[in-house]
Full PDB file with SEQRES, HELIX, SHEET, SSBOND, CRYST1, ORIGX, SCALE, CONECT and MASTER records, all heavy atoms in Angstrom:
SEQRES   1 A   32  ASP THR PRO MET HIS ASP LEU GLN ALA LEU GLY PHE ALA          
SEQRES   2 A   32  VAL GLN GLU LEU GLY LEU TYR LEU ASP THR HIS ALA ASP          
SEQRES   3 A   32  ASP ALA GLU ALA ALA GLU                                      
HELIX    1 AA1 PRO A    3  THR A   23  1                                  21    
HELIX    2 AA2 ALA A   28  ALA A   31  1                                   4    
CRYST1    1.000    1.000    1.000  90.00  90.00  90.00 P 1           1          
ORIGX1      1.000000  0.000000  0.000000        0.00000                         
ORIGX2      0.000000  1.000000  0.000000        0.00000                         
ORIGX3      0.000000  0.000000  1.000000        0.00000                         
SCALE1      1.000000  0.000000  0.000000        0.00000                         
SCALE2      0.000000  1.000000  0.000000        0.00000                         
SCALE3      0.000000  0.000000  1.000000        0.00000                         
ATOM      1  N   ASP A   1       0.849  -1.189   0.000  1.00  0.00           N  
ATOM      2  CA  ASP A   1       0.000   0.000   0.000  1.00  0.00           C  
ATOM      3  C   ASP A   1       0.887   1.243   0.000  1.00  0.00           C  
ATOM      4  O   ASP A   1       1.113   1.872   1.031  1.00  0.00           O  
ATOM      5  CB  ASP A   1      -0.918  -0.021   1.228  1.00  0.00           C  
ATOM      6  CG  ASP A   1      -2.061   0.962   1.099  1.00  0.00           C  
ATOM      7  OD1 ASP A   1      -2.375   1.357  -0.046  1.00  0.00           O  
ATOM      8  OD2 ASP A   1      -2.632   1.344   2.134  1.00  0.00           O  
ATOM      9  N   THR A   2       1.416   1.572  -1.174  1.00  0.00           N  
ATOM     10  CA  THR A   2       2.291   2.733  -1.321  1.00  0.00           C  
ATOM     11  C   THR A   2       1.707   3.669  -2.372  1.00  0.00           C  
ATOM     12  O   THR A   2       0.916   3.236  -3.224  1.00  0.00           O  
ATOM     13  CB  THR A   2       3.701   2.314  -1.776  1.00  0.00           C  
ATOM     14  OG1 THR A   2       3.608   1.738  -3.087  1.00  0.00           O  
ATOM     15  CG2 THR A   2       4.330   1.318  -0.816  1.00  0.00           C  
ATOM     16  N   PRO A   3       2.093   4.939  -2.340  1.00  0.00           N  
ATOM     17  CA  PRO A   3       1.616   5.861  -3.380  1.00  0.00           C  
ATOM     18  C   PRO A   3       1.973   5.395  -4.798  1.00  0.00           C  
ATOM     19  O   PRO A   3       1.180   5.550  -5.719  1.00  0.00           O  
ATOM     20  CB  PRO A   3       2.318   7.180  -3.042  1.00  0.00           C  
ATOM     21  CG  PRO A   3       2.588   7.103  -1.577  1.00  0.00           C  
ATOM     22  CD  PRO A   3       2.861   5.647  -1.306  1.00  0.00           C  
ATOM     23  N   MET A   4       3.135   4.772  -4.975  1.00  0.00           N  
ATOM     24  CA  MET A   4       3.545   4.296  -6.295  1.00  0.00           C  
ATOM     25  C   MET A   4       2.626   3.181  -6.781  1.00  0.00           C  
ATOM     26  O   MET A   4       2.173   3.181  -7.922  1.00  0.00           O  
ATOM     27  CB  MET A   4       4.995   3.811  -6.283  1.00  0.00           C  
ATOM     28  CG  MET A   4       5.453   3.232  -7.608  1.00  0.00           C  
ATOM     29  SD  MET A   4       5.406   4.410  -8.965  1.00  0.00           S  
ATOM     30  CE  MET A   4       6.834   5.382  -8.598  1.00  0.00           C  
ATOM     31  N   HIS A   5       2.312   2.227  -5.923  1.00  0.00           N  
ATOM     32  CA  HIS A   5       1.420   1.139  -6.327  1.00  0.00           C  
ATOM     33  C   HIS A   5       0.001   1.638  -6.549  1.00  0.00           C  
ATOM     34  O   HIS A   5      -0.712   1.133  -7.430  1.00  0.00           O  
ATOM     35  CB  HIS A   5       1.452  -0.004  -5.317  1.00  0.00           C  
ATOM     36  CG  HIS A   5       2.716  -0.798  -5.369  1.00  0.00           C  
ATOM     37  ND1 HIS A   5       3.246  -1.428  -4.291  1.00  0.00           N  
ATOM     38  CD2 HIS A   5       3.568  -1.064  -6.399  1.00  0.00           C  
ATOM     39  CE1 HIS A   5       4.359  -2.044  -4.629  1.00  0.00           C  
ATOM     40  NE2 HIS A   5       4.578  -1.826  -5.912  1.00  0.00           N  
ATOM     41  N   ASP A   6      -0.428   2.619  -5.764  1.00  0.00           N  
ATOM     42  CA  ASP A   6      -1.743   3.227  -6.004  1.00  0.00           C  
ATOM     43  C   ASP A   6      -1.791   3.847  -7.397  1.00  0.00           C  
ATOM     44  O   ASP A   6      -2.770   3.678  -8.129  1.00  0.00           O  
ATOM     45  CB  ASP A   6      -2.057   4.289  -4.950  1.00  0.00           C  
ATOM     46  CG  ASP A   6      -2.336   3.695  -3.580  1.00  0.00           C  
ATOM     47  OD1 ASP A   6      -2.593   2.476  -3.489  1.00  0.00           O  
ATOM     48  OD2 ASP A   6      -2.286   4.467  -2.594  1.00  0.00           O  
ATOM     49  N   LEU A   7      -0.731   4.568  -7.761  1.00  0.00           N  
ATOM     50  CA  LEU A   7      -0.674   5.171  -9.106  1.00  0.00           C  
ATOM     51  C   LEU A   7      -0.641   4.111 -10.198  1.00  0.00           C  
ATOM     52  O   LEU A   7      -1.291   4.256 -11.226  1.00  0.00           O  
ATOM     53  CB  LEU A   7       0.549   6.075  -9.247  1.00  0.00           C  
ATOM     54  CG  LEU A   7       0.439   7.451  -8.627  1.00  0.00           C  
ATOM     55  CD1 LEU A   7       1.769   8.191  -8.750  1.00  0.00           C  
ATOM     56  CD2 LEU A   7      -0.674   8.245  -9.275  1.00  0.00           C  
ATOM     57  N   GLN A   8       0.108   3.042  -9.976  1.00  0.00           N  
ATOM     58  CA  GLN A   8       0.151   1.970 -10.965  1.00  0.00           C  
ATOM     59  C   GLN A   8      -1.232   1.376 -11.177  1.00  0.00           C  
ATOM     60  O   GLN A   8      -1.644   1.135 -12.313  1.00  0.00           O  
ATOM     61  CB  GLN A   8       1.123   0.870 -10.525  1.00  0.00           C  
ATOM     62  CG  GLN A   8       2.562   1.262 -10.631  1.00  0.00           C  
ATOM     63  CD  GLN A   8       3.480   0.188 -10.060  1.00  0.00           C  
ATOM     64  OE1 GLN A   8       3.124  -0.569  -9.156  1.00  0.00           O  
ATOM     65  NE2 GLN A   8       4.696   0.128 -10.593  1.00  0.00           N  
ATOM     66  N   ALA A   9      -1.961   1.150 -10.094  1.00  0.00           N  
ATOM     67  CA  ALA A   9      -3.302   0.570 -10.198  1.00  0.00           C  
ATOM     68  C   ALA A   9      -4.248   1.528 -10.912  1.00  0.00           C  
ATOM     69  O   ALA A   9      -5.028   1.107 -11.780  1.00  0.00           O  
ATOM     70  CB  ALA A   9      -3.833   0.223  -8.810  1.00  0.00           C  
ATOM     71  N   LEU A  10      -4.193   2.803 -10.585  1.00  0.00           N  
ATOM     72  CA  LEU A  10      -5.065   3.779 -11.244  1.00  0.00           C  
ATOM     73  C   LEU A  10      -4.727   3.910 -12.724  1.00  0.00           C  
ATOM     74  O   LEU A  10      -5.620   3.959 -13.575  1.00  0.00           O  
ATOM     75  CB  LEU A  10      -4.964   5.136 -10.552  1.00  0.00           C  
ATOM     76  CG  LEU A  10      -5.581   5.216  -9.161  1.00  0.00           C  
ATOM     77  CD1 LEU A  10      -5.199   6.523  -8.480  1.00  0.00           C  
ATOM     78  CD2 LEU A  10      -7.088   5.059  -9.233  1.00  0.00           C  
ATOM     79  N   GLY A  11      -3.439   3.975 -13.044  1.00  0.00           N  
ATOM     80  CA  GLY A  11      -3.023   4.063 -14.449  1.00  0.00           C  
ATOM     81  C   GLY A  11      -3.466   2.842 -15.237  1.00  0.00           C  
ATOM     82  O   GLY A  11      -3.924   2.948 -16.379  1.00  0.00           O  
ATOM     83  N   PHE A  12      -3.350   1.667 -14.622  1.00  0.00           N  
ATOM     84  CA  PHE A  12      -3.796   0.435 -15.266  1.00  0.00           C  
ATOM     85  C   PHE A  12      -5.300   0.476 -15.517  1.00  0.00           C  
ATOM     86  O   PHE A  12      -5.772   0.129 -16.595  1.00  0.00           O  
ATOM     87  CB  PHE A  12      -3.428  -0.772 -14.390  1.00  0.00           C  
ATOM     88  CG  PHE A  12      -3.891  -2.080 -14.957  1.00  0.00           C  
ATOM     89  CD1 PHE A  12      -3.190  -2.688 -15.979  1.00  0.00           C  
ATOM     90  CD2 PHE A  12      -5.030  -2.692 -14.477  1.00  0.00           C  
ATOM     91  CE1 PHE A  12      -3.612  -3.892 -16.521  1.00  0.00           C  
ATOM     92  CE2 PHE A  12      -5.463  -3.893 -14.995  1.00  0.00           C  
ATOM     93  CZ  PHE A  12      -4.749  -4.496 -16.026  1.00  0.00           C  
ATOM     94  N   ALA A  13      -6.061   0.921 -14.515  1.00  0.00           N  
ATOM     95  CA  ALA A  13      -7.517   0.995 -14.655  1.00  0.00           C  
ATOM     96  C   ALA A  13      -7.921   1.962 -15.768  1.00  0.00           C  
ATOM     97  O   ALA A  13      -8.842   1.669 -16.544  1.00  0.00           O  
ATOM     98  CB  ALA A  13      -8.154   1.403 -13.327  1.00  0.00           C  
ATOM     99  N   VAL A  14      -7.240   3.083 -15.864  1.00  0.00           N  
ATOM    100  CA  VAL A  14      -7.534   4.051 -16.930  1.00  0.00           C  
ATOM    101  C   VAL A  14      -7.293   3.420 -18.298  1.00  0.00           C  
ATOM    102  O   VAL A  14      -8.114   3.535 -19.212  1.00  0.00           O  
ATOM    103  CB  VAL A  14      -6.695   5.344 -16.750  1.00  0.00           C  
ATOM    104  CG1 VAL A  14      -6.777   6.228 -17.975  1.00  0.00           C  
ATOM    105  CG2 VAL A  14      -7.151   6.111 -15.514  1.00  0.00           C  
ATOM    106  N   GLN A  15      -6.172   2.702 -18.449  1.00  0.00           N  
ATOM    107  CA  GLN A  15      -5.864   2.045 -19.722  1.00  0.00           C  
ATOM    108  C   GLN A  15      -6.890   0.966 -20.055  1.00  0.00           C  
ATOM    109  O   GLN A  15      -7.373   0.870 -21.185  1.00  0.00           O  
ATOM    110  CB  GLN A  15      -4.459   1.432 -19.685  1.00  0.00           C  
ATOM    111  CG  GLN A  15      -3.347   2.434 -19.712  1.00  0.00           C  
ATOM    112  CD  GLN A  15      -3.313   3.205 -21.014  1.00  0.00           C  
ATOM    113  OE1 GLN A  15      -3.524   2.661 -22.091  1.00  0.00           O  
ATOM    114  NE2 GLN A  15      -3.053   4.488 -20.921  1.00  0.00           N  
ATOM    115  N   GLU A  16      -7.207   0.125 -19.075  1.00  0.00           N  
ATOM    116  CA  GLU A  16      -8.165  -0.965 -19.302  1.00  0.00           C  
ATOM    117  C   GLU A  16      -9.540  -0.433 -19.688  1.00  0.00           C  
ATOM    118  O   GLU A  16     -10.172  -0.935 -20.616  1.00  0.00           O  
ATOM    119  CB  GLU A  16      -8.308  -1.813 -18.029  1.00  0.00           C  
ATOM    120  CG  GLU A  16      -7.247  -2.853 -17.846  1.00  0.00           C  
ATOM    121  CD  GLU A  16      -7.482  -4.067 -18.724  1.00  0.00           C  
ATOM    122  OE1 GLU A  16      -8.300  -4.934 -18.384  1.00  0.00           O  
ATOM    123  OE2 GLU A  16      -6.820  -4.152 -19.765  1.00  0.00           O  
ATOM    124  N   LEU A  17     -10.004   0.568 -18.955  1.00  0.00           N  
ATOM    125  CA  LEU A  17     -11.317   1.123 -19.266  1.00  0.00           C  
ATOM    126  C   LEU A  17     -11.311   1.840 -20.609  1.00  0.00           C  
ATOM    127  O   LEU A  17     -12.297   1.798 -21.347  1.00  0.00           O  
ATOM    128  CB  LEU A  17     -11.783   2.058 -18.147  1.00  0.00           C  
ATOM    129  CG  LEU A  17     -12.229   1.335 -16.887  1.00  0.00           C  
ATOM    130  CD1 LEU A  17     -12.365   2.316 -15.726  1.00  0.00           C  
ATOM    131  CD2 LEU A  17     -13.535   0.589 -17.118  1.00  0.00           C  
ATOM    132  N   GLY A  18     -10.207   2.492 -20.934  1.00  0.00           N  
ATOM    133  CA  GLY A  18     -10.094   3.135 -22.245  1.00  0.00           C  
ATOM    134  C   GLY A  18     -10.201   2.124 -23.372  1.00  0.00           C  
ATOM    135  O   GLY A  18     -10.895   2.356 -24.367  1.00  0.00           O  
ATOM    136  N   LEU A  19      -9.543   0.988 -23.221  1.00  0.00           N  
ATOM    137  CA  LEU A  19      -9.632  -0.061 -24.236  1.00  0.00           C  
ATOM    138  C   LEU A  19     -11.044  -0.627 -24.318  1.00  0.00           C  
ATOM    139  O   LEU A  19     -11.563  -0.881 -25.410  1.00  0.00           O  
ATOM    140  CB  LEU A  19      -8.633  -1.185 -23.925  1.00  0.00           C  
ATOM    141  CG  LEU A  19      -7.164  -0.812 -24.087  1.00  0.00           C  
ATOM    142  CD1 LEU A  19      -6.270  -1.903 -23.520  1.00  0.00           C  
ATOM    143  CD2 LEU A  19      -6.838  -0.536 -25.543  1.00  0.00           C  
ATOM    144  N   TYR A  20     -11.668  -0.828 -23.178  1.00  0.00           N  
ATOM    145  CA  TYR A  20     -13.043  -1.326 -23.156  1.00  0.00           C  
ATOM    146  C   TYR A  20     -13.976  -0.336 -23.860  1.00  0.00           C  
ATOM    147  O   TYR A  20     -14.836  -0.726 -24.655  1.00  0.00           O  
ATOM    148  CB  TYR A  20     -13.484  -1.560 -21.712  1.00  0.00           C  
ATOM    149  CG  TYR A  20     -14.954  -1.844 -21.558  1.00  0.00           C  
ATOM    150  CD1 TYR A  20     -15.467  -3.104 -21.848  1.00  0.00           C  
ATOM    151  CD2 TYR A  20     -15.838  -0.858 -21.132  1.00  0.00           C  
ATOM    152  CE1 TYR A  20     -16.816  -3.378 -21.718  1.00  0.00           C  
ATOM    153  CE2 TYR A  20     -17.184  -1.115 -20.993  1.00  0.00           C  
ATOM    154  CZ  TYR A  20     -17.677  -2.367 -21.286  1.00  0.00           C  
ATOM    155  OH  TYR A  20     -19.010  -2.629 -21.165  1.00  0.00           O  
ATOM    156  N   LEU A  21     -13.810   0.949 -23.567  1.00  0.00           N  
ATOM    157  CA  LEU A  21     -14.686   1.957 -24.155  1.00  0.00           C  
ATOM    158  C   LEU A  21     -14.476   2.102 -25.664  1.00  0.00           C  
ATOM    159  O   LEU A  21     -15.365   2.582 -26.369  1.00  0.00           O  
ATOM    160  CB  LEU A  21     -14.502   3.302 -23.447  1.00  0.00           C  
ATOM    161  CG  LEU A  21     -15.077   3.341 -22.028  1.00  0.00           C  
ATOM    162  CD1 LEU A  21     -14.601   4.590 -21.290  1.00  0.00           C  
ATOM    163  CD2 LEU A  21     -16.595   3.265 -22.052  1.00  0.00           C  
ATOM    164  N   ASP A  22     -13.317   1.673 -26.167  1.00  0.00           N  
ATOM    165  CA  ASP A  22     -13.102   1.667 -27.627  1.00  0.00           C  
ATOM    166  C   ASP A  22     -14.152   0.823 -28.333  1.00  0.00           C  
ATOM    167  O   ASP A  22     -14.556   1.118 -29.449  1.00  0.00           O  
ATOM    168  CB  ASP A  22     -11.715   1.114 -27.978  1.00  0.00           C  
ATOM    169  CG  ASP A  22     -10.601   2.108 -27.729  1.00  0.00           C  
ATOM    170  OD1 ASP A  22     -10.892   3.305 -27.514  1.00  0.00           O  
ATOM    171  OD2 ASP A  22      -9.429   1.681 -27.735  1.00  0.00           O  
ATOM    172  N   THR A  23     -14.587  -0.255 -27.685  1.00  0.00           N  
ATOM    173  CA  THR A  23     -15.554  -1.166 -28.310  1.00  0.00           C  
ATOM    174  C   THR A  23     -16.932  -1.123 -27.654  1.00  0.00           C  
ATOM    175  O   THR A  23     -17.853  -1.780 -28.121  1.00  0.00           O  
ATOM    176  CB  THR A  23     -15.034  -2.618 -28.270  1.00  0.00           C  
ATOM    177  OG1 THR A  23     -14.778  -2.980 -26.904  1.00  0.00           O  
ATOM    178  CG2 THR A  23     -13.772  -2.766 -29.109  1.00  0.00           C  
ATOM    179  N   HIS A  24     -17.065  -0.372 -26.566  1.00  0.00           N  
ATOM    180  CA  HIS A  24     -18.333  -0.286 -25.842  1.00  0.00           C  
ATOM    181  C   HIS A  24     -18.612   1.180 -25.485  1.00  0.00           C  
ATOM    182  O   HIS A  24     -18.820   1.530 -24.324  1.00  0.00           O  
ATOM    183  CB  HIS A  24     -18.293  -1.134 -24.563  1.00  0.00           C  
ATOM    184  CG  HIS A  24     -18.109  -2.594 -24.814  1.00  0.00           C  
ATOM    185  ND1 HIS A  24     -16.896  -3.151 -25.138  1.00  0.00           N  
ATOM    186  CD2 HIS A  24     -19.005  -3.609 -24.804  1.00  0.00           C  
ATOM    187  CE1 HIS A  24     -17.046  -4.452 -25.299  1.00  0.00           C  
ATOM    188  NE2 HIS A  24     -18.320  -4.757 -25.106  1.00  0.00           N  
ATOM    189  N   ALA A  25     -18.614   2.024 -26.488  1.00  0.00           N  
ATOM    190  CA  ALA A  25     -18.747   3.470 -26.276  1.00  0.00           C  
ATOM    191  C   ALA A  25     -20.064   3.863 -25.628  1.00  0.00           C  
ATOM    192  O   ALA A  25     -20.159   4.949 -25.048  1.00  0.00           O  
ATOM    193  CB  ALA A  25     -18.587   4.198 -27.607  1.00  0.00           C  
ATOM    194  N   ASP A  26     -21.058   3.013 -25.679  1.00  0.00           N  
ATOM    195  CA  ASP A  26     -22.362   3.348 -25.117  1.00  0.00           C  
ATOM    196  C   ASP A  26     -22.515   2.936 -23.647  1.00  0.00           C  
ATOM    197  O   ASP A  26     -23.573   3.119 -23.058  1.00  0.00           O  
ATOM    198  CB  ASP A  26     -23.481   2.713 -25.944  1.00  0.00           C  
ATOM    199  CG  ASP A  26     -23.360   1.192 -26.018  1.00  0.00           C  
ATOM    200  OD1 ASP A  26     -22.257   0.670 -25.767  1.00  0.00           O  
ATOM    201  OD2 ASP A  26     -24.366   0.544 -26.335  1.00  0.00           O  
ATOM    202  N   ASP A  27     -21.465   2.434 -23.020  1.00  0.00           N  
ATOM    203  CA  ASP A  27     -21.530   2.024 -21.620  1.00  0.00           C  
ATOM    204  C   ASP A  27     -21.258   3.247 -20.731  1.00  0.00           C  
ATOM    205  O   ASP A  27     -20.111   3.573 -20.418  1.00  0.00           O  
ATOM    206  CB  ASP A  27     -20.523   0.904 -21.345  1.00  0.00           C  
ATOM    207  CG  ASP A  27     -20.683   0.272 -19.975  1.00  0.00           C  
ATOM    208  OD1 ASP A  27     -21.211   0.938 -19.051  1.00  0.00           O  
ATOM    209  OD2 ASP A  27     -20.269  -0.887 -19.815  1.00  0.00           O  
ATOM    210  N   ALA A  28     -22.325   3.923 -20.330  1.00  0.00           N  
ATOM    211  CA  ALA A  28     -22.212   5.167 -19.565  1.00  0.00           C  
ATOM    212  C   ALA A  28     -21.567   4.945 -18.201  1.00  0.00           C  
ATOM    213  O   ALA A  28     -20.800   5.790 -17.728  1.00  0.00           O  
ATOM    214  CB  ALA A  28     -23.590   5.798 -19.404  1.00  0.00           C  
ATOM    215  N   GLU A  29     -21.857   3.816 -17.581  1.00  0.00           N  
ATOM    216  CA  GLU A  29     -21.269   3.524 -16.268  1.00  0.00           C  
ATOM    217  C   GLU A  29     -19.753   3.390 -16.369  1.00  0.00           C  
ATOM    218  O   GLU A  29     -19.014   3.911 -15.535  1.00  0.00           O  
ATOM    219  CB  GLU A  29     -21.884   2.257 -15.690  1.00  0.00           C  
ATOM    220  CG  GLU A  29     -21.422   1.951 -14.284  1.00  0.00           C  
ATOM    221  CD  GLU A  29     -22.054   0.689 -13.720  1.00  0.00           C  
ATOM    222  OE1 GLU A  29     -23.202   0.368 -14.093  1.00  0.00           O  
ATOM    223  OE2 GLU A  29     -21.389   0.023 -12.907  1.00  0.00           O  
ATOM    224  N   ALA A  30     -19.279   2.701 -17.395  1.00  0.00           N  
ATOM    225  CA  ALA A  30     -17.838   2.549 -17.593  1.00  0.00           C  
ATOM    226  C   ALA A  30     -17.190   3.888 -17.927  1.00  0.00           C  
ATOM    227  O   ALA A  30     -16.080   4.169 -17.479  1.00  0.00           O  
ATOM    228  CB  ALA A  30     -17.555   1.531 -18.695  1.00  0.00           C  
ATOM    229  N   ALA A  31     -17.869   4.703 -18.709  1.00  0.00           N  
ATOM    230  CA  ALA A  31     -17.336   6.029 -19.046  1.00  0.00           C  
ATOM    231  C   ALA A  31     -17.206   6.888 -17.791  1.00  0.00           C  
ATOM    232  O   ALA A  31     -16.207   7.604 -17.618  1.00  0.00           O  
ATOM    233  CB  ALA A  31     -18.220   6.708 -20.083  1.00  0.00           C  
ATOM    234  N   GLU A  32     -18.197   6.800 -16.916  1.00  0.00           N  
ATOM    235  CA  GLU A  32     -18.152   7.548 -15.656  1.00  0.00           C  
ATOM    236  C   GLU A  32     -17.002   7.048 -14.777  1.00  0.00           C  
ATOM    237  O   GLU A  32     -16.267   7.839 -14.172  1.00  0.00           O  
ATOM    238  CB  GLU A  32     -19.482   7.396 -14.924  1.00  0.00           C  
ATOM    239  CG  GLU A  32     -19.560   8.167 -13.631  1.00  0.00           C  
ATOM    240  CD  GLU A  32     -20.894   7.960 -12.930  1.00  0.00           C  
ATOM    241  OE1 GLU A  32     -21.945   8.015 -13.603  1.00  0.00           O  
ATOM    242  OE2 GLU A  32     -20.870   7.752 -11.704  1.00  0.00           O  
TER     243      GLU A  32                                                      
MASTER        0    0    0    2    0    0    0    6  242    1    0    3          
END                                                                             
């Protein structure tokens, strides 16, 4: 539980959700 690992997890989540939204642009919950 370090600031670096928190940033890694957030950065990963942003990338994953961005890729998901590439093919599921109408998923408002994921966009939020």
